[in-house]
Amino acid sequence: MTEWMALGYLNSFLTRKMAALGVADYGVGNMRSVANALNKIGAEWELVNDPLKVPQYSRLLLPGVGAFGPAAMRLGETGLGKALVLAAQAGTPLMGICLGMQLLGRTSEESPSTQGLALLEASTVRLPPHHSVTNTGFRKVQVVAAFRRPNSSTLVCDYYFNHGYHFVPEDVSVVAAATQWAEVEIVSAVSRDNVMGVQFHPEKSQGQGLAVLDRFARSGHLLL
């Protein structure tokens, strides 16, 4: 993308943005589950697979299921990766889910030669050997006070996880929540300004997960 195209693209955020959630559709997301969840909460949302339409949305969701390398390549091939980066740099709230959160960082041990979106200074590393190769199931998540949901009397929530790699940010101040799995503390959620992500699947986490999606869809904020 040339410099003049990028400037024109960024300028379109001032004139074309609508009060709607755009869900990045690049071929590797768990779209049916996410769609069902968003419909259940009554969110105003649309799938977006055209990078030129990304500026139309006031909030953006990046789901993801599968391997880091193919997902990052698809974001590059479709142009959605660059469009999401430009949107985030222009101030649009962007939230990644599971693999989508990992793609917000720079690299992953799963695909060392492939670059992520680099919106956060972080890498993704393999979970150490344990009784299971993946962290799967509902886990208790310790939430940083600043990200506690309204009217909540606890900083502990249960969310559903299914992953074999975990997100390691260079700056611990971006950590919004964490959970303990075996001997590893897993970063469960991150947030820096308008860029945020959750390692768990809110769309599979029952009422508490739907509430996370609802708050982001309506306000663009991460509250757990």
Protein backbone atom coordinates (compact mmCIF):
# COMPACT_ATOMS: atom_id res chain seq x y z
CA MET A 1 0.00 0.00 0.00
CA THR A 2 1.47 3.36 -1.05
CA GLU A 3 1.78 6.31 1.32
CA TRP A 4 -0.99 8.27 -0.37
CA MET A 5 -3.31 5.28 -0.24
CA ALA A 6 -2.60 4.84 3.46
CA LEU A 7 -3.29 8.51 4.15
CA GLY A 8 -6.53 8.36 2.22
CA TYR A 9 -7.52 5.19 4.02
CA LEU A 10 -6.89 6.73 7.44
CA ASN A 11 -8.82 9.84 6.47
CA SER A 12 -11.85 7.70 5.64
CA PHE A 13 -12.21 6.86 9.35
CA LEU A 14 -13.38 10.44 9.89
CA THR A 15 -16.18 10.25 7.34
CA ARG A 16 -17.35 6.64 6.96
CA LYS A 17 -17.42 5.09 10.42
CA MET A 18 -20.72 3.57 11.55
CA ALA A 19 -21.89 2.44 14.98
CA ALA A 20 -21.40 -1.25 14.21
CA LEU A 21 -19.08 -4.12 14.99
CA GLY A 22 -17.04 -5.58 12.15
CA VAL A 23 -15.92 -9.22 12.54
CA ALA A 24 -12.84 -10.01 10.46
CA ASP A 25 -13.57 -12.94 8.17
CA TYR A 26 -10.27 -14.29 6.83
CA GLY A 27 -11.06 -17.99 6.69
CA VAL A 28 -9.69 -19.24 10.02
CA GLY A 29 -12.15 -17.96 12.61
CA ASN A 30 -14.80 -19.91 14.47
CA MET A 31 -17.41 -17.84 12.71
CA ARG A 32 -20.49 -19.91 13.48
CA SER A 33 -19.94 -19.83 17.25
CA VAL A 34 -19.05 -16.14 17.21
CA ALA A 35 -22.04 -15.31 15.01
CA ASN A 36 -24.41 -17.24 17.25
CA ALA A 37 -23.06 -15.47 20.33
CA LEU A 38 -23.33 -11.99 18.79
CA ASN A 39 -26.85 -12.71 17.59
CA LYS A 40 -27.81 -13.96 21.04
CA ILE A 41 -26.75 -10.70 22.69
CA GLY A 42 -28.47 -8.65 19.98
CA ALA A 43 -25.30 -6.95 18.79
CA GLU A 44 -25.23 -4.89 15.60
CA TRP A 45 -22.50 -6.63 13.62
CA GLU A 46 -21.34 -7.69 10.17
CA LEU A 47 -18.70 -9.95 8.71
CA VAL A 48 -16.00 -8.00 6.91
CA ASN A 49 -13.70 -9.62 4.35
CA ASP A 50 -13.00 -6.54 2.22
CA PRO A 51 -10.14 -4.47 3.71
CA LEU A 52 -11.55 -1.31 2.14
CA LYS A 53 -14.69 -1.69 4.26
CA VAL A 54 -12.85 -1.96 7.57
CA PRO A 55 -12.98 1.84 8.18
CA GLN A 56 -16.79 1.67 8.25
CA TYR A 57 -16.84 0.02 11.68
CA SER A 58 -16.48 1.67 15.06
CA ARG A 59 -15.32 -1.58 16.70
CA LEU A 60 -13.49 -4.59 15.29
CA LEU A 61 -13.28 -8.22 16.36
CA LEU A 62 -10.51 -10.59 15.26
CA PRO A 63 -11.44 -14.20 16.03
CA GLY A 64 -9.14 -17.09 15.25
CA VAL A 65 -8.89 -20.86 15.48
CA GLY A 66 -5.95 -22.93 14.24
CA ALA A 67 -2.26 -22.28 13.65
CA PHE A 68 -0.50 -18.91 13.83
CA GLY A 69 1.37 -19.18 10.51
CA PRO A 70 -1.55 -19.89 8.15
CA ALA A 71 -3.71 -17.33 9.96
CA ALA A 72 -1.08 -14.58 9.66
CA MET A 73 -0.57 -15.47 6.00
CA ARG A 74 -4.31 -15.22 5.34
CA LEU A 75 -4.44 -11.80 6.99
CA GLY A 76 -1.63 -10.73 4.69
CA GLU A 77 -3.10 -12.24 1.53
CA THR A 78 -6.54 -10.74 2.06
CA GLY A 79 -5.24 -7.31 3.07
CA LEU A 80 -7.26 -7.48 6.27
CA GLY A 81 -4.13 -7.53 8.41
CA LYS A 82 -2.93 -4.15 7.13
CA ALA A 83 -6.44 -2.76 7.33
CA LEU A 84 -6.82 -3.83 10.96
CA VAL A 85 -3.45 -2.31 11.85
CA LEU A 86 -4.42 1.01 10.23
CA ALA A 87 -7.76 0.94 12.02
CA ALA A 88 -6.13 0.31 15.40
CA GLN A 89 -3.56 3.03 14.78
CA ALA A 90 -6.43 5.41 14.01
CA GLY A 91 -8.03 4.62 17.38
CA THR A 92 -10.69 2.03 16.53
CA PRO A 93 -11.15 -0.51 19.36
CA LEU A 94 -9.86 -3.91 18.23
CA MET A 95 -10.24 -7.14 20.20
CA GLY A 96 -8.64 -10.47 19.33
CA ILE A 97 -10.06 -13.80 20.50
CA CYS A 98 -7.77 -16.78 21.22
CA LEU A 99 -5.55 -17.06 18.13
CA GLY A 100 -6.76 -13.57 17.27
CA MET A 101 -5.14 -12.28 20.46
CA GLN A 102 -1.88 -14.06 19.62
CA LEU A 103 -1.89 -12.44 16.18
CA LEU A 104 -1.80 -9.02 17.87
CA GLY A 105 1.80 -9.76 18.88
CA ARG A 106 4.97 -10.01 16.81
CA THR A 107 5.92 -13.68 16.61
CA SER A 108 4.98 -17.20 17.64
CA GLU A 109 7.07 -20.29 18.30
CA GLU A 110 4.44 -22.16 16.30
CA SER A 111 5.57 -20.38 13.11
CA PRO A 112 8.90 -18.63 13.84
CA SER A 113 9.32 -17.21 10.33
CA THR A 114 5.87 -15.57 10.25
CA GLN A 115 5.16 -12.10 11.60
CA GLY A 116 2.00 -11.11 13.45
CA LEU A 117 0.33 -7.70 13.37
CA ALA A 118 2.81 -6.28 15.91
CA LEU A 119 0.23 -4.07 17.59
CA LEU A 120 1.56 -5.30 20.94
CA GLU A 121 5.14 -6.07 21.93
CA ALA A 122 4.65 -9.75 22.63
CA SER A 123 5.49 -13.25 21.47
CA THR A 124 3.52 -16.49 21.67
CA VAL A 125 5.24 -19.58 23.11
CA ARG A 126 4.30 -23.22 23.49
CA LEU A 127 2.79 -24.40 26.76
CA PRO A 128 5.19 -26.74 28.57
CA PRO A 129 4.57 -30.52 28.50
CA HIS A 130 1.92 -31.56 30.98
CA HIS A 131 -0.84 -34.14 31.26
CA SER A 132 -2.44 -32.53 28.21
CA VAL A 133 -0.92 -30.83 25.17
CA THR A 134 -3.56 -28.11 25.38
CA ASN A 135 -5.19 -26.03 28.06
CA THR A 136 -8.81 -26.99 27.46
CA GLY A 137 -11.85 -26.36 29.61
CA PHE A 138 -13.23 -23.79 32.02
CA ARG A 139 -10.54 -22.10 34.14
CA LYS A 140 -10.65 -19.55 36.93
CA VAL A 141 -9.34 -16.21 35.73
CA GLN A 142 -7.92 -13.56 38.04
CA VAL A 143 -8.92 -10.13 36.75
CA VAL A 144 -6.94 -6.93 37.27
CA ALA A 145 -9.16 -4.52 39.20
CA ALA A 146 -9.26 -1.90 36.44
CA PHE A 147 -10.92 -4.42 34.11
CA ARG A 148 -13.53 -5.76 36.51
CA ARG A 149 -17.06 -5.74 35.14
CA PRO A 150 -19.56 -3.26 36.62
CA ASN A 151 -21.25 -4.22 39.89
CA SER A 152 -18.99 -7.26 40.30
CA SER A 153 -18.03 -8.22 43.83
CA THR A 154 -15.23 -10.56 42.74
CA LEU A 155 -12.06 -10.45 40.66
CA VAL A 156 -12.34 -14.14 39.73
CA CYS A 157 -14.34 -15.40 36.72
CA ASP A 158 -14.63 -18.68 34.82
CA TYR A 159 -13.95 -18.74 31.09
CA TYR A 160 -13.47 -21.50 28.52
CA PHE A 161 -9.97 -22.08 27.09
CA ASN A 162 -8.67 -24.25 24.27
CA HIS A 163 -5.07 -23.53 23.25
CA GLY A 164 -1.59 -25.03 23.12
CA TYR A 165 0.40 -21.78 22.94
CA HIS A 166 0.21 -18.72 25.18
CA PHE A 167 0.80 -15.01 24.84
CA VAL A 168 3.83 -13.45 26.58
CA PRO A 169 3.90 -9.62 26.52
CA GLU A 170 7.13 -7.74 27.12
CA ASP A 171 5.31 -5.14 29.23
CA VAL A 172 3.31 -6.68 32.08
CA SER A 173 1.23 -3.51 32.38
CA VAL A 174 -0.87 -4.68 29.41
CA VAL A 175 -2.06 -7.76 31.32
CA ALA A 176 -5.76 -7.46 32.18
CA ALA A 177 -6.24 -10.99 33.53
CA ALA A 178 -4.33 -14.22 34.12
CA THR A 179 -4.99 -17.84 35.00
CA GLN A 180 -2.82 -20.61 36.45
CA TRP A 181 -2.46 -23.82 34.43
CA ALA A 182 -0.10 -26.41 35.87
CA GLU A 183 3.08 -24.48 36.66
CA VAL A 184 2.40 -21.74 34.12
CA GLU A 185 0.66 -18.42 34.62
CA ILE A 186 -1.22 -17.80 31.40
CA VAL A 187 -2.05 -14.27 30.30
CA SER A 188 -5.80 -14.53 29.78
CA ALA A 189 -6.50 -10.99 28.59
CA VAL A 190 -4.52 -7.95 27.51
CA SER A 191 -5.36 -4.33 26.91
CA ARG A 192 -3.41 -1.28 25.81
CA ASP A 193 -5.40 1.76 24.81
CA ASN A 194 -7.80 0.59 22.07
CA VAL A 195 -6.05 -2.75 21.39
CA MET A 196 -7.16 -5.71 23.50
CA GLY A 197 -7.46 -9.46 23.41
CA VAL A 198 -8.66 -12.52 25.31
CA GLN A 199 -7.03 -15.94 25.22
CA PHE A 200 -10.26 -17.66 26.23
CA HIS A 201 -13.35 -18.08 24.04
CA PRO A 202 -16.07 -15.70 25.28
CA GLU A 203 -18.49 -17.16 22.73
CA LYS A 204 -18.14 -20.54 24.48
CA SER A 205 -18.04 -19.25 28.06
CA GLN A 206 -21.77 -19.11 28.77
CA GLY A 207 -23.29 -15.99 30.32
CA GLN A 208 -20.09 -14.42 31.59
CA GLY A 209 -18.48 -14.77 28.16
CA LEU A 210 -21.48 -13.34 26.36
CA ALA A 211 -21.32 -10.38 28.72
CA VAL A 212 -17.71 -9.71 27.66
CA LEU A 213 -18.77 -9.68 24.00
CA ASP A 214 -21.78 -7.51 24.77
CA ARG A 215 -19.74 -4.86 26.58
CA PHE A 216 -17.16 -4.74 23.79
CA ALA A 217 -19.78 -4.65 21.03
CA ARG A 218 -21.61 -1.77 22.69
CA SER A 219 -18.77 0.26 24.18
CA GLY A 220 -15.47 -0.91 22.70
CA HIS A 221 -14.10 -1.63 26.20
CA LEU A 222 -12.74 -4.80 27.78
CA LEU A 223 -14.45 -5.59 31.08
CA LEU A 224 -14.31 -9.10 32.54
